[in-house]
Amino acid sequence: MKKKLLFLVIIFVVVFFYYQSEVSTPNHNDAGEKQFEIASGQGIGDIADNLEEQGFLDNKLMFKIYIQFNGYRSKFQEGKFTLKTDLSIKELVSDLIETRRTFEEQDIVLIEGWSIKEMDEHLTNTEIIEKGSLIDYFETVKNEDYEFLSDREHKDDLEGYVYPDTYRIYVGSSVEKIGEKMLANFDSKLTEEMRDVIKKQGKSIYDVITLASIVEKEMFGYENRRIVAGVFNNRLEIGMPLQSDATVNYITKKGIAAPSLDDIAIENPYNTYKNRGLTPGPICNPSIEAIKSVIYAEDTDYVYFLTTKENKIIFSKTHDEHVANKFKYLK
């Protein structure tokens, strides 16, 4: 009797650990994402068949057992889902039942030059996310998660890499899905050709994005931005401070065209009037136009520029010429 009981205990333990392993082990597929749909009237059998057929599921029987054992049979709802292809059964079921899904879609518009904080505030005000959740999510992203982050210097700050664009999302999408979509968009916008040019220039993506964020705030128009990027490159080469008003406004949050003398005198690593070289990191999330203007900057002799009241850009090669242009155009 004792032997029989021991045998049953052993069988139970083996089955239990097998079950735990099967429901906790990720699917054998490579990491990725695909759409999956649960149609109206589909039962667990239909859902399991479709998950297996579309590569989301290795063990259809264990999927059904897990659902039955945990009482999840009535939890599934029709809808469209964006699922990772390497989830365990536990994770897969959680994604399918714990987040409200809908066929309804909506657009979110993120403006070029916004910071992550501004994006978070906008998505909060439009009731798409909870306040601070976008900021919190991006702080969990590591350099090794994306190839384009490999040379990022600030480990807890994704400023500059969150691509501003119009995104179409499902109502009820998680902040993780939204954040992943933004980073994937950045990854696609920064083409292999652009990355090759950056390497040939001996620069890092991080430096390019940092300068692009300054150009984004300083100048408008692609050709103007290319020349301004060339001006900033010239200043960096000769050891001259960038003297960017945009970096001072980043510190003060005033958003004015011309910072005051007191503003310019602020001791802060982002003050490019007081410090030489680039800022410690990007000051906003730049557009692809600003990024390209830095990668393909105009090779110019200009070292100075100003913007007139009529939004005309005046470039100068020397300080004396720049001072003369100030008196001529800004008086």
Protein backbone atom coordinates (compact mmCIF):
# COMPACT_ATOMS: atom_id res chain seq x y z
CA MET A 1 0.00 0.00 0.00
CA LYS A 2 2.81 2.38 0.93
CA LYS A 3 4.61 1.60 -2.34
CA LYS A 4 1.45 2.27 -4.32
CA LEU A 5 0.92 5.58 -2.51
CA LEU A 6 4.56 6.56 -3.06
CA PHE A 7 4.21 5.69 -6.73
CA LEU A 8 1.12 7.88 -7.03
CA VAL A 9 2.90 10.76 -5.28
CA ILE A 10 5.82 10.46 -7.68
CA ILE A 11 3.46 10.41 -10.66
CA PHE A 12 1.65 13.48 -9.31
CA VAL A 13 4.92 15.36 -8.77
CA VAL A 14 6.16 14.48 -12.28
CA VAL A 15 2.87 15.53 -13.87
CA PHE A 16 2.76 18.71 -11.80
CA PHE A 17 6.26 19.79 -12.81
CA TYR A 18 5.60 18.85 -16.44
CA TYR A 19 2.45 20.99 -16.35
CA GLN A 20 4.27 23.94 -14.79
CA SER A 21 7.05 23.66 -17.35
CA GLU A 22 4.66 23.49 -20.31
CA VAL A 23 2.58 26.50 -19.29
CA SER A 24 5.59 28.63 -18.29
CA THR A 25 8.01 27.90 -21.16
CA PRO A 26 7.99 30.44 -24.00
CA ASN A 27 6.83 29.36 -27.44
CA HIS A 28 9.69 28.08 -29.61
CA ASN A 29 9.14 30.81 -32.23
CA ASP A 30 11.54 33.73 -32.63
CA ALA A 31 10.58 36.98 -30.93
CA GLY A 32 8.19 39.11 -32.93
CA GLU A 33 4.62 40.31 -33.11
CA LYS A 34 1.59 39.33 -35.18
CA GLN A 35 -2.09 40.10 -35.24
CA PHE A 36 -4.56 37.54 -33.88
CA GLU A 37 -8.33 37.70 -33.99
CA ILE A 38 -11.04 36.06 -31.90
CA ALA A 39 -14.26 36.14 -33.90
CA SER A 40 -17.73 36.27 -32.42
CA GLY A 41 -18.99 32.86 -31.27
CA GLN A 42 -15.60 31.11 -31.25
CA GLY A 43 -15.03 28.62 -28.44
CA ILE A 44 -11.82 27.54 -26.73
CA GLY A 45 -11.28 24.77 -29.29
CA ASP A 46 -11.47 27.20 -32.21
CA ILE A 47 -9.20 29.68 -30.44
CA ALA A 48 -6.64 26.96 -29.63
CA ASP A 49 -6.70 25.66 -33.22
CA ASN A 50 -6.10 29.14 -34.64
CA LEU A 51 -3.34 29.92 -32.13
CA GLU A 52 -1.55 26.71 -33.03
CA GLU A 53 -2.02 27.20 -36.78
CA GLN A 54 -0.70 30.77 -36.64
CA GLY A 55 2.38 29.85 -34.61
CA PHE A 56 1.48 31.25 -31.19
CA LEU A 57 1.08 27.88 -29.48
CA ASP A 58 3.18 24.71 -29.19
CA ASN A 59 0.95 22.58 -26.96
CA LYS A 60 -2.73 22.99 -27.75
CA LEU A 61 -3.84 20.37 -25.20
CA MET A 62 -1.96 22.02 -22.35
CA PHE A 63 -3.46 25.37 -23.37
CA LYS A 64 -6.96 23.91 -22.95
CA ILE A 65 -6.04 22.25 -19.63
CA TYR A 66 -4.59 25.49 -18.28
CA ILE A 67 -7.76 27.40 -19.19
CA GLN A 68 -10.04 24.74 -17.70
CA PHE A 69 -7.95 24.38 -14.53
CA ASN A 70 -7.96 28.14 -13.88
CA GLY A 71 -11.59 28.79 -14.82
CA TYR A 72 -10.77 31.06 -17.74
CA ARG A 73 -13.16 29.50 -20.28
CA SER A 74 -15.68 32.36 -20.07
CA LYS A 75 -13.06 35.12 -19.97
CA PHE A 76 -12.29 35.29 -23.68
CA GLN A 77 -13.84 38.07 -25.75
CA GLU A 78 -13.93 38.76 -29.45
CA GLY A 79 -11.47 41.31 -30.76
CA LYS A 80 -8.18 41.92 -32.52
CA PHE A 81 -4.95 41.41 -30.62
CA THR A 82 -1.31 42.22 -31.25
CA LEU A 83 0.54 39.30 -29.67
CA LYS A 84 4.19 38.44 -29.27
CA THR A 85 5.10 35.18 -30.96
CA ASP A 86 7.36 33.84 -28.18
CA LEU A 87 4.95 33.90 -25.22
CA SER A 88 4.40 31.09 -22.74
CA ILE A 89 0.87 29.70 -22.34
CA LYS A 90 0.47 31.72 -19.13
CA GLU A 91 1.53 34.93 -20.84
CA LEU A 92 -0.55 34.19 -23.92
CA VAL A 93 -3.73 33.61 -21.91
CA SER A 94 -3.03 36.70 -19.81
CA ASP A 95 -2.68 38.86 -22.93
CA LEU A 96 -5.91 37.45 -24.36
CA ILE A 97 -8.14 37.87 -21.32
CA GLU A 98 -6.74 40.54 -19.01
CA THR A 99 -6.68 43.52 -21.37
CA ARG A 100 -9.86 44.94 -22.85
CA ARG A 101 -9.68 44.66 -26.63
CA THR A 102 -11.84 46.20 -29.28
CA PHE A 103 -12.11 46.54 -33.03
CA GLU A 104 -12.24 50.31 -32.56
CA GLU A 105 -9.12 52.23 -33.53
CA GLN A 106 -7.96 55.78 -32.87
CA ASP A 107 -5.17 58.10 -33.93
CA ILE A 108 -2.69 59.69 -31.56
CA VAL A 109 -0.67 62.66 -32.78
CA LEU A 110 2.73 63.34 -31.22
CA ILE A 111 4.32 66.62 -32.29
CA GLU A 112 7.88 66.89 -33.60
CA GLY A 113 10.13 68.38 -30.95
CA TRP A 114 8.06 67.23 -27.99
CA SER A 115 9.82 65.75 -24.99
CA ILE A 116 8.77 62.39 -23.54
CA LYS A 117 7.17 64.31 -20.68
CA GLU A 118 5.07 66.34 -23.13
CA MET A 119 4.05 63.16 -24.94
CA ASP A 120 3.07 61.59 -21.63
CA GLU A 121 1.02 64.65 -20.70
CA HIS A 122 -0.77 64.65 -24.07
CA LEU A 123 -1.64 60.96 -23.89
CA THR A 124 -2.80 61.45 -20.30
CA ASN A 125 -5.00 64.42 -21.19
CA THR A 126 -6.60 62.44 -24.02
CA GLU A 127 -7.24 59.58 -21.56
CA ILE A 128 -5.14 57.07 -23.48
CA ILE A 129 -2.68 56.29 -20.68
CA GLU A 130 -2.31 56.87 -16.96
CA LYS A 131 -0.15 59.85 -16.01
CA GLY A 132 3.55 59.03 -15.93
CA SER A 133 3.15 55.53 -17.38
CA LEU A 134 4.87 56.35 -20.70
CA ILE A 135 7.82 57.85 -18.83
CA ASP A 136 7.93 54.81 -16.55
CA TYR A 137 7.83 52.38 -19.49
CA PHE A 138 10.71 54.03 -21.36
CA GLU A 139 12.82 53.88 -18.20
CA THR A 140 12.57 50.07 -18.36
CA VAL A 141 14.05 49.88 -21.89
CA LYS A 142 17.68 48.79 -21.91
CA ASN A 143 20.39 49.54 -24.45
CA GLU A 144 20.55 45.90 -25.52
CA ASP A 145 16.82 45.88 -26.35
CA TYR A 146 17.38 47.82 -29.59
CA GLU A 147 20.45 47.98 -31.80
CA PHE A 148 20.11 51.74 -32.28
CA LEU A 149 20.47 52.24 -28.51
CA SER A 150 23.82 50.43 -28.31
CA ASP A 151 25.82 53.68 -28.02
CA ARG A 152 23.33 55.50 -25.78
CA GLU A 153 25.13 57.14 -22.86
CA HIS A 154 22.19 57.83 -20.53
CA LYS A 155 20.88 54.43 -19.47
CA ASP A 156 17.58 55.64 -18.00
CA ASP A 157 16.58 58.28 -20.53
CA LEU A 158 15.17 57.61 -24.02
CA GLU A 159 14.78 61.28 -24.89
CA GLY A 160 15.49 61.68 -28.60
CA TYR A 161 14.57 58.13 -29.64
CA VAL A 162 10.77 58.32 -29.25
CA TYR A 163 9.69 59.12 -32.79
CA PRO A 164 7.07 61.89 -33.08
CA ASP A 165 4.38 60.85 -35.56
CA THR A 166 0.70 60.05 -36.02
CA TYR A 167 0.04 56.55 -34.71
CA ARG A 168 -3.05 54.43 -35.23
CA ILE A 169 -3.72 52.23 -32.23
CA TYR A 170 -6.49 50.04 -30.87
CA VAL A 171 -8.59 51.62 -28.16
CA GLY A 172 -7.40 50.17 -24.86
CA SER A 173 -3.85 49.48 -26.09
CA SER A 174 -1.37 49.14 -23.25
CA VAL A 175 1.33 51.74 -22.74
CA GLU A 176 3.86 49.01 -23.54
CA LYS A 177 2.30 48.44 -26.98
CA ILE A 178 2.25 52.18 -27.67
CA GLY A 179 5.86 52.64 -26.54
CA GLU A 180 7.06 49.66 -28.57
CA LYS A 181 5.32 51.07 -31.65
CA MET A 182 7.12 54.40 -31.22
CA LEU A 183 10.54 52.79 -30.88
CA ALA A 184 9.90 50.46 -33.82
CA ASN A 185 9.01 53.53 -35.88
CA PHE A 186 12.30 55.20 -34.95
CA ASP A 187 14.12 52.01 -35.90
CA SER A 188 12.50 52.00 -39.35
CA LYS A 189 13.02 55.73 -39.96
CA LEU A 190 16.76 55.51 -39.26
CA THR A 191 17.64 53.54 -42.39
CA GLU A 192 20.69 51.33 -42.88
CA GLU A 193 22.07 53.89 -45.33
CA MET A 194 21.80 56.62 -42.71
CA ARG A 195 23.46 54.42 -40.10
CA ASP A 196 26.30 53.66 -42.53
CA VAL A 197 26.86 57.38 -43.15
CA ILE A 198 26.95 58.04 -39.41
CA LYS A 199 29.63 55.32 -38.99
CA LYS A 200 31.70 56.71 -41.87
CA GLN A 201 31.59 60.14 -40.23
CA GLY A 202 33.00 58.62 -37.05
CA LYS A 203 29.96 59.67 -35.07
CA SER A 204 27.55 57.82 -32.81
CA ILE A 205 23.79 57.67 -33.26
CA TYR A 206 23.55 59.22 -29.79
CA ASP A 207 25.57 62.28 -30.86
CA VAL A 208 23.56 62.66 -34.06
CA ILE A 209 20.25 62.50 -32.20
CA THR A 210 21.53 64.95 -29.58
CA LEU A 211 22.52 67.54 -32.20
CA ALA A 212 19.33 66.86 -34.22
CA SER A 213 17.24 67.64 -31.14
CA ILE A 214 18.94 71.05 -30.91
CA VAL A 215 18.52 71.71 -34.64
CA GLU A 216 14.83 70.72 -34.33
CA LYS A 217 14.27 73.49 -31.80
CA GLU A 218 16.58 76.05 -33.41
CA MET A 219 15.53 76.04 -37.05
CA PHE A 220 12.74 75.27 -39.54
CA GLY A 221 12.95 73.97 -43.11
CA TYR A 222 15.19 71.13 -44.27
CA GLU A 223 17.72 73.21 -46.21
CA ASN A 224 17.96 75.80 -43.43
CA ARG A 225 18.46 73.01 -40.93
CA ARG A 226 21.25 71.45 -43.02
CA ILE A 227 23.13 74.75 -43.01
CA VAL A 228 22.56 75.29 -39.28
CA ALA A 229 23.80 71.74 -38.62
CA GLY A 230 26.89 72.68 -40.64
CA VAL A 231 27.31 75.83 -38.54
CA PHE A 232 27.12 73.80 -35.32
CA ASN A 233 29.63 71.29 -36.73
CA ASN A 234 32.01 74.16 -37.45
CA ARG A 235 31.64 75.45 -33.90
CA LEU A 236 32.31 72.00 -32.48
CA GLU A 237 35.42 71.62 -34.65
CA ILE A 238 36.99 74.90 -33.54
CA GLY A 239 36.04 74.42 -29.88
CA MET A 240 33.50 77.22 -29.88
CA PRO A 241 30.39 76.85 -27.68
CA LEU A 242 27.26 75.99 -29.65
CA GLN A 243 25.50 79.01 -28.09
CA SER A 244 22.07 77.54 -28.77
CA ASP A 245 19.09 79.43 -27.35
CA ALA A 246 17.12 76.18 -27.54
CA THR A 247 19.34 74.54 -24.94
CA VAL A 248 18.84 77.46 -22.54
CA ASN A 249 15.08 77.28 -23.07
CA TYR A 250 15.32 73.56 -22.28
CA ILE A 251 16.68 74.52 -18.86
CA THR A 252 14.29 77.40 -18.10
CA LYS A 253 11.20 75.89 -19.85
CA LYS A 254 10.33 79.43 -20.98
CA GLY A 255 10.11 78.63 -24.68
CA ILE A 256 11.04 82.15 -25.72
CA ALA A 257 12.89 83.11 -28.88
CA ALA A 258 15.75 84.95 -27.16
CA PRO A 259 16.72 84.00 -23.59
CA SER A 260 17.68 86.80 -21.23
CA LEU A 261 21.26 87.49 -20.14
CA ASP A 262 20.41 85.98 -16.76
CA ASP A 263 19.14 82.84 -18.47
CA ILE A 264 22.31 82.54 -20.53
CA ALA A 265 24.43 82.81 -17.36
CA ILE A 266 22.75 79.81 -15.68
CA GLU A 267 25.21 77.14 -14.53
CA ASN A 268 23.85 73.94 -16.09
CA PRO A 269 25.44 71.22 -18.25
CA TYR A 270 22.74 71.86 -20.89
CA ASN A 271 23.67 75.54 -21.20
CA THR A 272 25.68 75.65 -24.43
CA TYR A 273 26.62 79.28 -23.81
CA LYS A 274 28.56 78.20 -20.71
CA ASN A 275 29.76 74.78 -21.88
CA ARG A 276 31.57 73.62 -25.01
CA GLY A 277 30.53 70.58 -26.99
CA LEU A 278 27.18 68.85 -27.19
CA THR A 279 24.64 68.76 -24.39
CA PRO A 280 24.73 65.65 -22.17
CA GLY A 281 21.83 64.26 -24.21
CA PRO A 282 18.95 65.16 -26.55
CA ILE A 283 16.67 68.01 -25.48
CA CYS A 284 13.62 66.71 -27.37
CA ASN A 285 12.49 64.02 -29.80
CA PRO A 286 13.46 65.31 -33.26
CA SER A 287 11.78 64.74 -36.60
CA ILE A 288 13.38 62.68 -39.35
CA GLU A 289 14.00 65.97 -41.17
CA ALA A 290 16.13 67.28 -38.31
CA ILE A 291 17.94 63.94 -38.01
CA LYS A 292 18.71 63.86 -41.73
CA SER A 293 19.84 67.50 -41.65
CA VAL A 294 22.56 66.51 -39.17
CA ILE A 295 23.57 63.35 -41.03
CA TYR A 296 23.66 65.21 -44.34
CA ALA A 297 24.73 68.59 -42.95
CA GLU A 298 25.79 71.30 -45.39
CA ASP A 299 29.56 71.72 -45.66
CA THR A 300 29.72 75.47 -45.10
CA ASP A 301 32.08 78.24 -44.00
CA TYR A 302 29.39 79.85 -41.87
CA VAL A 303 29.90 80.07 -38.11
CA TYR A 304 27.00 82.36 -37.16
CA PHE A 305 23.33 82.76 -38.02
CA LEU A 306 20.32 84.79 -36.96
CA THR A 307 16.61 84.84 -37.71
CA THR A 308 14.94 88.13 -38.68
CA LYS A 309 11.48 89.20 -37.59
CA GLU A 310 10.30 88.11 -41.02
CA ASN A 311 11.74 84.60 -40.38
CA LYS A 312 14.53 85.11 -42.87
CA ILE A 313 17.76 83.30 -41.95
CA ILE A 314 20.97 85.33 -42.22
CA PHE A 315 24.29 83.44 -42.09
CA SER A 316 27.73 84.93 -41.38
CA LYS A 317 31.31 83.69 -41.65
CA THR A 318 32.87 86.01 -39.08
CA HIS A 319 31.86 87.56 -35.77
CA ASP A 320 32.18 91.09 -37.17
CA GLU A 321 29.87 90.18 -40.04
CA HIS A 322 27.42 88.65 -37.56
CA VAL A 323 27.40 91.79 -35.41
CA ALA A 324 26.82 93.94 -38.49
CA ASN A 325 23.91 91.73 -39.50
CA LYS A 326 22.40 92.09 -36.03
CA PHE A 327 22.41 95.85 -36.35
CA LYS A 328 21.04 95.61 -39.89
CA TYR A 329 18.25 93.07 -39.37
CA LEU A 330 17.36 93.10 -35.67
CA LYS A 331 17.35 96.81 -34.82
